[in-house]
PDB file of N, CA and C in Angstrom:
ATOM      1  N   UNK A   1     111.714 105.005 164.444  1.00  0.00           N
ATOM      2  CA  UNK A   1     112.671 103.985 164.822  1.00  0.00           C
ATOM      3  C   UNK A   1     111.996 102.992 165.771  1.00  0.00           C
ATOM      4  N   UNK A   2     111.975 101.745 165.427  1.00  0.00           N
ATOM      5  CA  UNK A   2     111.350 100.720 166.255  1.00  0.00           C
ATOM      6  C   UNK A   2     112.270 100.346 167.410  1.00  0.00           C
ATOM      7  N   UNK A   3     111.676 100.204 168.570  1.00  0.00           N
ATOM      8  CA  UNK A   3     112.419  99.783 169.750  1.00  0.00           C
ATOM      9  C   UNK A   3     112.131  98.315 170.007  1.00  0.00           C
ATOM     10  N   UNK A   4     112.861  97.730 170.952  1.00  0.00           N
ATOM     11  CA  UNK A   4     112.593  96.344 171.318  1.00  0.00           C
ATOM     12  C   UNK A   4     111.191  96.204 171.887  1.00  0.00           C
ATOM     13  N   UNK A   5     110.697  97.253 172.554  1.00  0.00           N
ATOM     14  CA  UNK A   5     109.342  97.229 173.081  1.00  0.00           C
ATOM     15  C   UNK A   5     108.347  97.132 171.924  1.00  0.00           C
ATOM     16  N   UNK A   6     108.565  97.921 170.867  1.00  0.00           N
ATOM     17  CA  UNK A   6     107.714  97.853 169.681  1.00  0.00           C
ATOM     18  C   UNK A   6     107.773  96.454 169.066  1.00  0.00           C
ATOM     19  N   UNK A   7     108.978  95.907 168.959  1.00  0.00           N
ATOM     20  CA  UNK A   7     109.148  94.588 168.370  1.00  0.00           C
ATOM     21  C   UNK A   7     108.424  93.521 169.185  1.00  0.00           C
ATOM     22  N   UNK A   8     108.443  93.657 170.510  1.00  0.00           N
ATOM     23  CA  UNK A   8     107.749  92.704 171.375  1.00  0.00           C
ATOM     24  C   UNK A   8     106.252  92.750 171.125  1.00  0.00           C
ATOM     25  N   UNK A   9     105.709  93.935 170.994  1.00  0.00           N
ATOM     26  CA  UNK A   9     104.279  94.047 170.711  1.00  0.00           C
ATOM     27  C   UNK A   9     103.958  93.481 169.338  1.00  0.00           C
ATOM     28  N   UNK A  10     104.801  93.744 168.347  1.00  0.00           N
ATOM     29  CA  UNK A  10     104.566  93.217 167.010  1.00  0.00           C
ATOM     30  C   UNK A  10     104.605  91.690 167.009  1.00  0.00           C
ATOM     31  N   UNK A  11     105.575  91.113 167.682  1.00  0.00           N
ATOM     32  CA  UNK A  11     105.705  89.663 167.738  1.00  0.00           C
ATOM     33  C   UNK A  11     104.533  89.041 168.470  1.00  0.00           C
ATOM     34  N   UNK A  12     104.070  89.688 169.526  1.00  0.00           N
ATOM     35  CA  UNK A  12     102.955  89.134 170.294  1.00  0.00           C
ATOM     36  C   UNK A  12     101.678  89.134 169.470  1.00  0.00           C
ATOM     37  N   UNK A  13     101.567  90.054 168.515  1.00  0.00           N
ATOM     38  CA  UNK A  13     100.391  90.089 167.638  1.00  0.00           C
ATOM     39  C   UNK A  13     100.272  88.803 166.820  1.00  0.00           C
ATOM     40  N   UNK A  14     101.386  88.191 166.485  1.00  0.00           N
ATOM     41  CA  UNK A  14     101.355  86.969 165.697  1.00  0.00           C
ATOM     42  C   UNK A  14     100.758  85.809 166.479  1.00  0.00           C
ATOM     43  N   UNK A  15     100.875  85.863 167.790  1.00  0.00           N
ATOM     44  CA  UNK A  15     100.422  84.763 168.636  1.00  0.00           C
ATOM     45  C   UNK A  15      99.078  85.040 169.296  1.00  0.00           C
ATOM     46  N   UNK A  16      98.586  86.244 169.201  1.00  0.00           N
ATOM     47  CA  UNK A  16      97.404  86.648 169.946  1.00  0.00           C
ATOM     48  C   UNK A  16      96.150  86.606 169.083  1.00  0.00           C
ATOM     49  N   UNK A  17      95.013  86.407 169.758  1.00  0.00           N
ATOM     50  CA  UNK A  17      93.733  86.556 169.088  1.00  0.00           C
ATOM     51  C   UNK A  17      93.506  88.040 168.855  1.00  0.00           C
ATOM     52  N   UNK A  18      92.497  88.388 168.099  1.00  0.00           N
ATOM     53  CA  UNK A  18      92.239  89.806 167.837  1.00  0.00           C
ATOM     54  C   UNK A  18      91.925  90.547 169.139  1.00  0.00           C
ATOM     55  N   UNK A  19      91.226  89.897 170.067  1.00  0.00           N
ATOM     56  CA  UNK A  19      90.929  90.535 171.355  1.00  0.00           C
ATOM     57  C   UNK A  19      92.204  90.738 172.164  1.00  0.00           C
ATOM     58  N   UNK A  20      93.042  89.712 172.214  1.00  0.00           N
ATOM     59  CA  UNK A  20      94.313  89.831 172.943  1.00  0.00           C
ATOM     60  C   UNK A  20      95.205  90.884 172.305  1.00  0.00           C
ATOM     61  N   UNK A  21      95.209  90.913 170.990  1.00  0.00           N
ATOM     62  CA  UNK A  21      96.018  91.881 170.266  1.00  0.00           C
ATOM     63  C   UNK A  21      95.580  93.309 170.587  1.00  0.00           C
ATOM     64  N   UNK A  22      94.276  93.537 170.597  1.00  0.00           N
ATOM     65  CA  UNK A  22      93.745  94.861 170.931  1.00  0.00           C
ATOM     66  C   UNK A  22      94.109  95.244 172.356  1.00  0.00           C
ATOM     67  N   UNK A  23      94.047  94.280 173.267  1.00  0.00           N
ATOM     68  CA  UNK A  23      94.403  94.543 174.663  1.00  0.00           C
ATOM     69  C   UNK A  23      95.887  94.882 174.795  1.00  0.00           C
ATOM     70  N   UNK A  24      96.735  94.167 174.068  1.00  0.00           N
ATOM     71  CA  UNK A  24      98.168  94.459 174.096  1.00  0.00           C
ATOM     72  C   UNK A  24      98.464  95.859 173.574  1.00  0.00           C
ATOM     73  N   UNK A  25      97.792  96.242 172.485  1.00  0.00           N
ATOM     74  CA  UNK A  25      97.995  97.587 171.951  1.00  0.00           C
ATOM     75  C   UNK A  25      97.530  98.640 172.947  1.00  0.00           C
ATOM     76  N   UNK A  26      96.396  98.415 173.603  1.00  0.00           N
ATOM     77  CA  UNK A  26      95.887  99.340 174.623  1.00  0.00           C
ATOM     78  C   UNK A  26      96.896  99.472 175.763  1.00  0.00           C
ATOM     79  N   UNK A  27      97.403  98.345 176.255  1.00  0.00           N
ATOM     80  CA  UNK A  27      98.407  98.366 177.317  1.00  0.00           C
ATOM     81  C   UNK A  27      99.651  99.113 176.861  1.00  0.00           C
ATOM     82  N   UNK A  28     100.056  98.878 175.625  1.00  0.00           N
ATOM     83  CA  UNK A  28     101.239  99.561 175.089  1.00  0.00           C
ATOM     84  C   UNK A  28     101.059 101.066 175.061  1.00  0.00           C
ATOM     85  N   UNK A  29      99.890 101.523 174.662  1.00  0.00           N
ATOM     86  CA  UNK A  29      99.631 102.972 174.647  1.00  0.00           C
ATOM     87  C   UNK A  29      99.637 103.542 176.060  1.00  0.00           C
ATOM     88  N   UNK A  30      99.086 102.801 177.008  1.00  0.00           N
ATOM     89  CA  UNK A  30      99.087 103.259 178.410  1.00  0.00           C
ATOM     90  C   UNK A  30     100.515 103.360 178.936  1.00  0.00           C
ATOM     91  N   UNK A  31     101.331 102.373 178.616  1.00  0.00           N
ATOM     92  CA  UNK A  31     102.729 102.392 179.054  1.00  0.00           C
ATOM     93  C   UNK A  31     103.458 103.573 178.428  1.00  0.00           C
ATOM     94  N   UNK A  32     103.256 103.797 177.135  1.00  0.00           N
ATOM     95  CA  UNK A  32     103.905 104.919 176.462  1.00  0.00           C
ATOM     96  C   UNK A  32     103.488 106.254 177.076  1.00  0.00           C
ATOM     97  N   UNK A  33     102.216 106.390 177.419  1.00  0.00           N
ATOM     98  CA  UNK A  33     101.735 107.619 178.063  1.00  0.00           C
ATOM     99  C   UNK A  33     102.454 107.839 179.382  1.00  0.00           C
ATOM    100  N   UNK A  34     102.584 106.788 180.167  1.00  0.00           N
ATOM    101  CA  UNK A  34     103.295 106.893 181.453  1.00  0.00           C
ATOM    102  C   UNK A  34     104.765 107.233 181.236  1.00  0.00           C
ATOM    103  N   UNK A  35     105.382 106.600 180.245  1.00  0.00           N
ATOM    104  CA  UNK A  35     106.798 106.838 179.977  1.00  0.00           C
ATOM    105  C   UNK A  35     107.049 108.295 179.579  1.00  0.00           C
ATOM    106  N   UNK A  36     106.101 108.904 178.885  1.00  0.00           N
ATOM    107  CA  UNK A  36     106.248 110.293 178.461  1.00  0.00           C
ATOM    108  C   UNK A  36     106.213 111.261 179.640  1.00  0.00           C
ATOM    109  N   UNK A  37     105.669 110.827 180.766  1.00  0.00           N
ATOM    110  CA  UNK A  37     105.620 111.675 181.949  1.00  0.00           C
ATOM    111  C   UNK A  37     106.942 111.702 182.702  1.00  0.00           C
ATOM    112  N   UNK A  38     107.807 110.724 182.407  1.00  0.00           N
ATOM    113  CA  UNK A  38     109.112 110.663 183.062  1.00  0.00           C
ATOM    114  C   UNK A  38     110.080 111.611 182.367  1.00  0.00           C
ATOM    115  N   UNK A  39     111.082 112.055 183.124  1.00  0.00           N
ATOM    116  CA  UNK A  39     112.155 112.829 182.501  1.00  0.00           C
ATOM    117  C   UNK A  39     112.865 111.918 181.490  1.00  0.00           C
ATOM    118  N   UNK A  40     113.441 112.525 180.472  1.00  0.00           N
ATOM    119  CA  UNK A  40     114.025 111.773 179.366  1.00  0.00           C
ATOM    120  C   UNK A  40     115.052 110.744 179.825  1.00  0.00           C
ATOM    121  N   UNK A  41     115.971 111.129 180.715  1.00  0.00           N
ATOM    122  CA  UNK A  41     117.004 110.180 181.148  1.00  0.00           C
ATOM    123  C   UNK A  41     116.412 109.032 181.955  1.00  0.00           C
ATOM    124  N   UNK A  42     115.377 109.312 182.736  1.00  0.00           N
ATOM    125  CA  UNK A  42     114.737 108.246 183.526  1.00  0.00           C
ATOM    126  C   UNK A  42     113.958 107.291 182.636  1.00  0.00           C
ATOM    127  N   UNK A  43     113.276 107.839 181.639  1.00  0.00           N
ATOM    128  CA  UNK A  43     112.545 107.001 180.694  1.00  0.00           C
ATOM    129  C   UNK A  43     113.507 106.107 179.919  1.00  0.00           C
ATOM    130  N   UNK A  44     114.608 106.682 179.489  1.00  0.00           N
ATOM    131  CA  UNK A  44     115.611 105.927 178.762  1.00  0.00           C
ATOM    132  C   UNK A  44     116.225 104.835 179.641  1.00  0.00           C
ATOM    133  N   UNK A  45     116.545 105.169 180.880  1.00  0.00           N
ATOM    134  CA  UNK A  45     117.115 104.190 181.812  1.00  0.00           C
ATOM    135  C   UNK A  45     116.123 103.061 182.074  1.00  0.00           C
ATOM    136  N   UNK A  46     114.853 103.416 182.224  1.00  0.00           N
ATOM    137  CA  UNK A  46     113.812 102.418 182.459  1.00  0.00           C
ATOM    138  C   UNK A  46     113.733 101.441 181.286  1.00  0.00           C
ATOM    139  N   UNK A  47     113.725 101.986 180.069  1.00  0.00           N
ATOM    140  CA  UNK A  47     113.686 101.131 178.882  1.00  0.00           C
ATOM    141  C   UNK A  47     114.923 100.224 178.810  1.00  0.00           C
ATOM    142  N   UNK A  48     116.075 100.805 179.088  1.00  0.00           N
ATOM    143  CA  UNK A  48     117.309 100.012 179.044  1.00  0.00           C
ATOM    144  C   UNK A  48     117.270  98.879 180.060  1.00  0.00           C
ATOM    145  N   UNK A  49     116.743  99.154 181.234  1.00  0.00           N
ATOM    146  CA  UNK A  49     116.696  98.149 182.292  1.00  0.00           C
ATOM    147  C   UNK A  49     115.652  97.070 182.017  1.00  0.00           C
ATOM    148  N   UNK A  50     114.440  97.490 181.704  1.00  0.00           N
ATOM    149  CA  UNK A  50     113.336  96.532 181.637  1.00  0.00           C
ATOM    150  C   UNK A  50     113.017  96.007 180.247  1.00  0.00           C
ATOM    151  N   UNK A  51     113.516  96.651 179.214  1.00  0.00           N
ATOM    152  CA  UNK A  51     113.299  96.148 177.861  1.00  0.00           C
ATOM    153  C   UNK A  51     114.590  95.535 177.318  1.00  0.00           C
ATOM    154  N   UNK A  52     115.693  96.264 177.478  1.00  0.00           N
ATOM    155  CA  UNK A  52     116.981  95.790 176.956  1.00  0.00           C
ATOM    156  C   UNK A  52     117.682  94.843 177.923  1.00  0.00           C
ATOM    157  N   UNK A  53     117.329  94.908 179.208  1.00  0.00           N
ATOM    158  CA  UNK A  53     117.915  94.001 180.186  1.00  0.00           C
ATOM    159  C   UNK A  53     119.248  94.446 180.772  1.00  0.00           C
ATOM    160  N   UNK A  54     119.586  95.736 180.641  1.00  0.00           N
ATOM    161  CA  UNK A  54     120.845  96.208 181.216  1.00  0.00           C
ATOM    162  C   UNK A  54     120.794  96.182 182.742  1.00  0.00           C
ATOM    163  N   UNK A  55     121.895  95.885 183.340  1.00  0.00           N
ATOM    164  CA  UNK A  55     121.994  95.828 184.803  1.00  0.00           C
ATOM    165  C   UNK A  55     122.158  97.236 185.372  1.00  0.00           C
ATOM    166  N   UNK A  56     121.781  97.379 186.649  1.00  0.00           N
ATOM    167  CA  UNK A  56     121.866  98.673 187.332  1.00  0.00           C
ATOM    168  C   UNK A  56     123.269  99.283 187.242  1.00  0.00           C
ATOM    169  N   UNK A  57     124.287  98.431 187.414  1.00  0.00           N
ATOM    170  CA  UNK A  57     125.663  98.917 187.399  1.00  0.00           C
ATOM    171  C   UNK A  57     126.025  99.510 186.025  1.00  0.00           C
ATOM    172  N   UNK A  58     125.565  98.853 184.981  1.00  0.00           N
ATOM    173  CA  UNK A  58     125.826  99.339 183.624  1.00  0.00           C
ATOM    174  C   UNK A  58     125.125 100.672 183.401  1.00  0.00           C
ATOM    175  N   UNK A  59     123.878 100.774 183.855  1.00  0.00           N
ATOM    176  CA  UNK A  59     123.130 102.025 183.719  1.00  0.00           C
ATOM    177  C   UNK A  59     123.823 103.159 184.456  1.00  0.00           C
ATOM    178  N   UNK A  60     124.343 102.872 185.633  1.00  0.00           N
ATOM    179  CA  UNK A  60     125.052 103.899 186.409  1.00  0.00           C
ATOM    180  C   UNK A  60     126.255 104.410 185.621  1.00  0.00           C
ATOM    181  N   UNK A  61     126.972 103.513 184.978  1.00  0.00           N
ATOM    182  CA  UNK A  61     128.117 103.909 184.149  1.00  0.00           C
ATOM    183  C   UNK A  61     127.671 104.719 182.936  1.00  0.00           C
ATOM    184  N   UNK A  62     126.630 104.256 182.263  1.00  0.00           N
ATOM    185  CA  UNK A  62     126.139 104.931 181.061  1.00  0.00           C
ATOM    186  C   UNK A  62     125.695 106.358 181.367  1.00  0.00           C
ATOM    187  N   UNK A  63     124.973 106.537 182.478  1.00  0.00           N
ATOM    188  CA  UNK A  63     124.433 107.854 182.822  1.00  0.00           C
ATOM    189  C   UNK A  63     125.353 108.674 183.724  1.00  0.00           C
ATOM    190  N   UNK A  64     126.443 108.075 184.149  1.00  0.00           N
ATOM    191  CA  UNK A  64     127.411 108.809 184.961  1.00  0.00           C
ATOM    192  C   UNK A  64     126.872 109.230 186.316  1.00  0.00           C
ATOM    193  N   UNK A  65     126.060 108.356 186.912  1.00  0.00           N
ATOM    194  CA  UNK A  65     125.483 108.640 188.225  1.00  0.00           C
ATOM    195  C   UNK A  65     125.810 107.489 189.171  1.00  0.00           C
ATOM    196  N   UNK A  66     125.725 107.732 190.484  1.00  0.00           N
ATOM    197  CA  UNK A  66     125.976 106.652 191.433  1.00  0.00           C
ATOM    198  C   UNK A  66     124.955 105.511 191.270  1.00  0.00           C
ATOM    199  N   UNK A  67     125.362 104.310 191.644  1.00  0.00           N
ATOM    200  CA  UNK A  67     124.511 103.132 191.527  1.00  0.00           C
ATOM    201  C   UNK A  67     123.175 103.330 192.248  1.00  0.00           C
ATOM    202  N   UNK A  68     123.210 103.877 193.446  1.00  0.00           N
ATOM    203  CA  UNK A  68     121.967 104.074 194.189  1.00  0.00           C
ATOM    204  C   UNK A  68     121.026 105.056 193.498  1.00  0.00           C
ATOM    205  N   UNK A  69     121.574 106.021 192.780  1.00  0.00           N
ATOM    206  CA  UNK A  69     120.744 106.953 192.022  1.00  0.00           C
ATOM    207  C   UNK A  69     120.008 106.207 190.925  1.00  0.00           C
ATOM    208  N   UNK A  70     120.720 105.338 190.229  1.00  0.00           N
ATOM    209  CA  UNK A  70     120.100 104.540 189.175  1.00  0.00           C
ATOM    210  C   UNK A  70     118.977 103.696 189.748  1.00  0.00           C
ATOM    211  N   UNK A  71     119.222 103.052 190.856  1.00  0.00           N
ATOM    212  CA  UNK A  71     118.197 102.210 191.487  1.00  0.00           C
ATOM    213  C   UNK A  71     116.985 103.035 191.911  1.00  0.00           C
ATOM    214  N   UNK A  72     117.231 104.228 192.416  1.00  0.00           N
ATOM    215  CA  UNK A  72     116.132 105.118 192.802  1.00  0.00           C
ATOM    216  C   UNK A  72     115.322 105.521 191.583  1.00  0.00           C
ATOM    217  N   UNK A  73     115.991 105.863 190.489  1.00  0.00           N
ATOM    218  CA  UNK A  73     115.288 106.213 189.245  1.00  0.00           C
ATOM    219  C   UNK A  73     114.346 105.092 188.828  1.00  0.00           C
ATOM    220  N   UNK A  74     114.860 103.871 188.822  1.00  0.00           N
ATOM    221  CA  UNK A  74     114.059 102.731 188.361  1.00  0.00           C
ATOM    222  C   UNK A  74     112.887 102.476 189.293  1.00  0.00           C
ATOM    223  N   UNK A  75     113.147 102.534 190.592  1.00  0.00           N
ATOM    224  CA  UNK A  75     112.085 102.300 191.556  1.00  0.00           C
ATOM    225  C   UNK A  75     110.982 103.341 191.422  1.00  0.00           C
ATOM    226  N   UNK A  76     111.358 104.604 191.340  1.00  0.00           N
ATOM    227  CA  UNK A  76     110.365 105.675 191.211  1.00  0.00           C
ATOM    228  C   UNK A  76     109.648 105.606 189.869  1.00  0.00           C
ATOM    229  N   UNK A  77     110.338 105.190 188.834  1.00  0.00           N
ATOM    230  CA  UNK A  77     109.708 105.062 187.513  1.00  0.00           C
ATOM    231  C   UNK A  77     108.620 103.997 187.525  1.00  0.00           C
ATOM    232  N   UNK A  78     108.842 102.936 188.257  1.00  0.00           N
ATOM    233  CA  UNK A  78     107.819 101.907 188.374  1.00  0.00           C
ATOM    234  C   UNK A  78     106.561 102.413 189.068  1.00  0.00           C
ATOM    235  N   UNK A  79     106.782 103.307 190.028  1.00  0.00           N
ATOM    236  CA  UNK A  79     105.619 103.850 190.739  1.00  0.00           C
ATOM    237  C   UNK A  79     104.797 104.730 189.826  1.00  0.00           C
TER     238      UNK A  79
END
C-alpha cells in the first residue's frame, strides 16, 4: 500500500536528476529505518502529523490521549 510519503518520493523522482533521485531514495530508506524503531502508534502519529498534515488536537482525538501526550510523542519521535 503506497503512502503519501511514497507518493512524494515518486513525484520527486520526476523532477530530480539521477544523482538527486538516488539521494532521495537513500534518505527515504534512512527515514523508514528510523520510523521502524518507533512504537507503532508513535510512528503512525508521526506520519499523520508530518506527512498527512493532521493537527495535534486531531491526533489526540484519534489516539484517545491527552493533547500534551501527542505533542510529546511527536517531539520525541523527531529526536
